[in-house]
Amino acid sequence: MQESKELQEQRVLLQKKYQREIPQAGELWQHFKEHDYKIIACPVIHTETRERYCVYQALYGDYGIFCRPLDMFMSEVDHAKYPQVTQVYRFYRKNET
């Protein structure tokens, strides 16, 4: 299904906010702990708060489906908590270097 013009405009604004591409349905992204996920939908808008979310499915284990605020999905790794991690962002699109 093609994105609406409103969603396309939101995507452009969100890309400016995060200064990188935001996830799109069908893409594969990798968490800094090296697990792969398939994006189900993004951005998803909470009906009451209007907060943006990302819905994604694990490609390992029980293949669970998860929902995370887009701000958190796009955030940097907490290097105070994970000092050994060299990856900058929590998630990367699989074809990014």
N, C-alpha and C. Protein backbone atom coordinates (compact mmCIF):
# COMPACT_ATOMS: atom_id res chain seq x y z
N MET A 1 0.84 -1.18 0.00
CA MET A 1 0.00 0.00 0.00
C MET A 1 0.89 1.24 0.00
N GLN A 2 0.54 2.22 -0.81
CA GLN A 2 1.32 3.44 -0.95
C GLN A 2 1.04 4.38 0.22
N GLU A 3 2.08 5.09 0.68
CA GLU A 3 1.92 6.04 1.77
C GLU A 3 1.12 7.25 1.31
N SER A 4 0.30 7.79 2.22
CA SER A 4 -0.44 9.00 1.92
C SER A 4 0.51 10.19 1.81
N LYS A 5 0.05 11.26 1.20
CA LYS A 5 0.86 12.47 1.09
C LYS A 5 1.22 12.99 2.48
N GLU A 6 0.27 12.93 3.41
CA GLU A 6 0.53 13.39 4.79
C GLU A 6 1.65 12.57 5.43
N LEU A 7 1.63 11.26 5.25
CA LEU A 7 2.66 10.41 5.82
C LEU A 7 4.01 10.67 5.15
N GLN A 8 4.01 10.90 3.86
CA GLN A 8 5.25 11.22 3.16
C GLN A 8 5.85 12.53 3.69
N GLU A 9 4.99 13.53 3.95
CA GLU A 9 5.45 14.80 4.50
C GLU A 9 6.00 14.61 5.91
N GLN A 10 5.32 13.79 6.71
CA GLN A 10 5.80 13.49 8.07
C GLN A 10 7.17 12.81 8.02
N ARG A 11 7.33 11.89 7.08
CA ARG A 11 8.59 11.17 6.94
C ARG A 11 9.74 12.15 6.65
N VAL A 12 9.50 13.13 5.79
CA VAL A 12 10.52 14.13 5.48
C VAL A 12 10.88 14.93 6.73
N LEU A 13 9.88 15.35 7.50
CA LEU A 13 10.14 16.11 8.73
C LEU A 13 10.88 15.26 9.76
N LEU A 14 10.50 13.99 9.88
CA LEU A 14 11.17 13.10 10.83
C LEU A 14 12.61 12.84 10.42
N GLN A 15 12.86 12.70 9.13
CA GLN A 15 14.24 12.49 8.66
C GLN A 15 15.10 13.70 8.99
N LYS A 16 14.54 14.89 8.89
CA LYS A 16 15.28 16.09 9.27
C LYS A 16 15.55 16.09 10.76
N LYS A 17 14.56 15.70 11.55
CA LYS A 17 14.71 15.66 13.01
C LYS A 17 15.84 14.71 13.42
N TYR A 18 15.84 13.51 12.86
CA TYR A 18 16.83 12.50 13.26
C TYR A 18 18.11 12.56 12.45
N GLN A 19 18.11 13.34 11.38
CA GLN A 19 19.26 13.50 10.48
C GLN A 19 19.71 12.18 9.87
N ARG A 20 18.76 11.31 9.63
CA ARG A 20 18.99 10.05 8.91
C ARG A 20 17.64 9.47 8.53
N GLU A 21 17.67 8.47 7.65
CA GLU A 21 16.44 7.85 7.18
C GLU A 21 15.71 7.18 8.35
N ILE A 22 14.38 7.27 8.32
CA ILE A 22 13.61 6.55 9.33
C ILE A 22 13.13 5.23 8.73
N PRO A 23 12.81 4.26 9.58
CA PRO A 23 12.41 2.94 9.07
C PRO A 23 11.16 2.98 8.21
N GLN A 24 11.11 2.05 7.26
CA GLN A 24 9.93 1.88 6.41
C GLN A 24 9.54 0.41 6.44
N ALA A 25 8.25 0.15 6.28
CA ALA A 25 7.74 -1.22 6.29
C ALA A 25 8.52 -2.09 5.32
N GLY A 26 8.89 -3.27 5.80
CA GLY A 26 9.60 -4.25 4.98
C GLY A 26 11.11 -4.20 5.10
N GLU A 27 11.66 -3.10 5.61
CA GLU A 27 13.11 -3.01 5.75
C GLU A 27 13.61 -3.88 6.90
N LEU A 28 14.89 -4.25 6.81
CA LEU A 28 15.54 -5.00 7.87
C LEU A 28 16.47 -4.05 8.62
N TRP A 29 16.36 -4.05 9.95
CA TRP A 29 17.19 -3.22 10.81
C TRP A 29 17.86 -4.11 11.84
N GLN A 30 19.04 -3.69 12.28
CA GLN A 30 19.78 -4.47 13.26
C GLN A 30 19.97 -3.66 14.55
N HIS A 31 19.68 -4.31 15.66
CA HIS A 31 19.88 -3.72 16.98
C HIS A 31 21.37 -3.80 17.33
N PHE A 32 21.83 -2.92 18.19
CA PHE A 32 23.26 -2.92 18.52
C PHE A 32 23.71 -4.22 19.20
N LYS A 33 22.76 -5.01 19.70
CA LYS A 33 23.10 -6.32 20.26
C LYS A 33 23.11 -7.40 19.17
N GLU A 34 23.06 -6.96 17.92
CA GLU A 34 23.23 -7.78 16.72
C GLU A 34 22.05 -8.67 16.36
N HIS A 35 20.87 -8.39 16.88
CA HIS A 35 19.67 -9.12 16.46
C HIS A 35 19.02 -8.35 15.31
N ASP A 36 18.45 -9.10 14.36
CA ASP A 36 17.80 -8.50 13.20
C ASP A 36 16.30 -8.41 13.41
N TYR A 37 15.71 -7.33 12.84
CA TYR A 37 14.28 -7.07 12.95
C TYR A 37 13.74 -6.60 11.61
N LYS A 38 12.50 -6.97 11.34
CA LYS A 38 11.81 -6.50 10.13
C LYS A 38 10.80 -5.44 10.55
N ILE A 39 10.83 -4.31 9.88
CA ILE A 39 9.91 -3.23 10.20
C ILE A 39 8.51 -3.60 9.67
N ILE A 40 7.53 -3.52 10.55
CA ILE A 40 6.13 -3.79 10.18
C ILE A 40 5.46 -2.49 9.74
N ALA A 41 5.62 -1.43 10.53
CA ALA A 41 5.04 -0.13 10.19
C ALA A 41 5.80 0.97 10.93
N CYS A 42 5.99 2.11 10.24
CA CYS A 42 6.67 3.24 10.85
C CYS A 42 6.54 4.45 9.93
N PRO A 43 6.15 5.60 10.42
CA PRO A 43 5.74 5.86 11.78
C PRO A 43 4.29 5.44 12.01
N VAL A 44 4.04 5.00 13.22
CA VAL A 44 2.69 4.68 13.68
C VAL A 44 2.34 5.76 14.69
N ILE A 45 1.14 6.31 14.62
CA ILE A 45 0.78 7.44 15.46
C ILE A 45 -0.21 7.01 16.53
N HIS A 46 0.14 7.29 17.79
CA HIS A 46 -0.74 7.01 18.92
C HIS A 46 -1.96 7.92 18.79
N THR A 47 -3.15 7.37 18.91
CA THR A 47 -4.38 8.13 18.65
C THR A 47 -4.64 9.24 19.66
N GLU A 48 -4.15 9.09 20.89
CA GLU A 48 -4.42 10.11 21.91
C GLU A 48 -3.25 11.06 22.12
N THR A 49 -2.04 10.53 22.17
CA THR A 49 -0.88 11.38 22.46
C THR A 49 -0.21 11.94 21.21
N ARG A 50 -0.50 11.34 20.05
CA ARG A 50 0.10 11.68 18.76
C ARG A 50 1.59 11.34 18.70
N GLU A 51 2.09 10.60 19.70
CA GLU A 51 3.48 10.17 19.69
C GLU A 51 3.70 9.19 18.54
N ARG A 52 4.89 9.25 17.93
CA ARG A 52 5.24 8.36 16.82
C ARG A 52 5.90 7.10 17.37
N TYR A 53 5.57 5.96 16.77
CA TYR A 53 6.12 4.66 17.17
C TYR A 53 6.65 3.93 15.96
N CYS A 54 7.43 2.88 16.23
CA CYS A 54 7.91 1.96 15.22
C CYS A 54 7.47 0.56 15.66
N VAL A 55 6.84 -0.17 14.76
CA VAL A 55 6.40 -1.55 15.03
C VAL A 55 7.30 -2.47 14.22
N TYR A 56 7.89 -3.47 14.89
CA TYR A 56 8.86 -4.33 14.23
C TYR A 56 8.79 -5.74 14.77
N GLN A 57 9.29 -6.69 13.97
CA GLN A 57 9.25 -8.11 14.32
C GLN A 57 10.65 -8.68 14.41
N ALA A 58 10.91 -9.42 15.49
CA ALA A 58 12.19 -10.10 15.66
C ALA A 58 12.33 -11.17 14.59
N LEU A 59 13.53 -11.33 14.07
CA LEU A 59 13.81 -12.39 13.10
C LEU A 59 14.63 -13.49 13.75
N TYR A 60 14.33 -13.75 15.02
CA TYR A 60 15.00 -14.79 15.80
C TYR A 60 14.04 -15.21 16.92
N GLY A 61 14.37 -16.28 17.61
CA GLY A 61 13.56 -16.71 18.76
C GLY A 61 12.12 -17.00 18.39
N ASP A 62 11.19 -16.39 19.12
CA ASP A 62 9.76 -16.63 18.86
C ASP A 62 9.17 -15.65 17.86
N TYR A 63 10.02 -14.84 17.20
CA TYR A 63 9.59 -13.89 16.17
C TYR A 63 8.54 -12.91 16.70
N GLY A 64 8.74 -12.46 17.94
CA GLY A 64 7.81 -11.53 18.56
C GLY A 64 7.70 -10.22 17.81
N ILE A 65 6.56 -9.57 18.01
CA ILE A 65 6.32 -8.25 17.41
C ILE A 65 6.35 -7.23 18.53
N PHE A 66 7.09 -6.14 18.29
CA PHE A 66 7.30 -5.13 19.32
C PHE A 66 6.94 -3.74 18.81
N CYS A 67 6.67 -2.85 19.75
CA CYS A 67 6.37 -1.46 19.45
C CYS A 67 7.24 -0.61 20.36
N ARG A 68 7.91 0.37 19.79
CA ARG A 68 8.82 1.22 20.56
C ARG A 68 8.62 2.66 20.08
N PRO A 69 8.66 3.64 20.99
CA PRO A 69 8.58 5.03 20.53
C PRO A 69 9.69 5.30 19.51
N LEU A 70 9.34 6.02 18.46
CA LEU A 70 10.31 6.28 17.40
C LEU A 70 11.54 7.02 17.94
N ASP A 71 11.33 7.93 18.88
CA ASP A 71 12.49 8.62 19.48
C ASP A 71 13.46 7.62 20.08
N MET A 72 12.96 6.59 20.74
CA MET A 72 13.83 5.59 21.35
C MET A 72 14.46 4.70 20.28
N PHE A 73 13.67 4.30 19.29
CA PHE A 73 14.17 3.46 18.21
C PHE A 73 15.34 4.14 17.50
N MET A 74 15.24 5.43 17.29
CA MET A 74 16.25 6.18 16.55
C MET A 74 17.38 6.72 17.43
N SER A 75 17.30 6.49 18.73
CA SER A 75 18.27 7.08 19.65
C SER A 75 19.65 6.43 19.57
N GLU A 76 20.60 7.11 20.19
CA GLU A 76 21.95 6.58 20.29
C GLU A 76 22.01 5.52 21.38
N VAL A 77 22.98 4.64 21.27
CA VAL A 77 23.23 3.63 22.30
C VAL A 77 23.63 4.36 23.58
N ASP A 78 23.17 3.87 24.71
CA ASP A 78 23.57 4.40 26.01
C ASP A 78 24.98 3.88 26.31
N HIS A 79 25.98 4.68 25.95
CA HIS A 79 27.37 4.23 26.09
C HIS A 79 27.84 4.19 27.54
N ALA A 80 27.12 4.85 28.44
CA ALA A 80 27.45 4.73 29.87
C ALA A 80 27.07 3.33 30.36
N LYS A 81 25.94 2.83 29.86
CA LYS A 81 25.47 1.49 30.24
C LYS A 81 26.18 0.40 29.45
N TYR A 82 26.52 0.68 28.19
CA TYR A 82 27.17 -0.29 27.30
C TYR A 82 28.47 0.31 26.75
N PRO A 83 29.49 0.49 27.59
CA PRO A 83 30.72 1.16 27.13
C PRO A 83 31.49 0.40 26.06
N GLN A 84 31.28 -0.91 25.95
CA GLN A 84 32.00 -1.72 24.97
C GLN A 84 31.41 -1.61 23.56
N VAL A 85 30.23 -1.04 23.43
CA VAL A 85 29.55 -0.96 22.13
C VAL A 85 30.13 0.19 21.32
N THR A 86 30.51 -0.10 20.08
CA THR A 86 31.06 0.94 19.20
C THR A 86 30.01 1.55 18.29
N GLN A 87 28.89 0.86 18.10
CA GLN A 87 27.81 1.35 17.25
C GLN A 87 27.24 2.64 17.85
N VAL A 88 26.99 3.63 17.03
CA VAL A 88 26.48 4.92 17.52
C VAL A 88 25.00 4.82 17.88
N TYR A 89 24.19 4.29 16.96
CA TYR A 89 22.74 4.26 17.16
C TYR A 89 22.26 2.90 17.64
N ARG A 90 21.13 2.94 18.35
CA ARG A 90 20.51 1.72 18.87
C ARG A 90 20.17 0.75 17.73
N PHE A 91 19.63 1.28 16.62
CA PHE A 91 19.28 0.46 15.46
C PHE A 91 19.89 1.07 14.21
N TYR A 92 20.30 0.20 13.30
CA TYR A 92 20.77 0.59 11.96
C TYR A 92 20.02 -0.21 10.92
N ARG A 93 19.72 0.45 9.80
CA ARG A 93 19.17 -0.29 8.67
C ARG A 93 20.27 -1.24 8.18
N LYS A 94 19.92 -2.45 7.85
CA LYS A 94 20.90 -3.50 7.52
C LYS A 94 21.84 -3.12 6.39
N ASN A 95 21.40 -2.35 5.42
CA ASN A 95 22.31 -2.01 4.32
C ASN A 95 23.12 -0.74 4.60
N GLU A 96 22.99 -0.16 5.82
CA GLU A 96 23.83 0.99 6.19
C GLU A 96 25.18 0.47 6.64
N THR A 97 26.19 1.28 6.52
CA THR A 97 27.52 0.89 6.98
C THR A 97 27.90 1.64 8.23
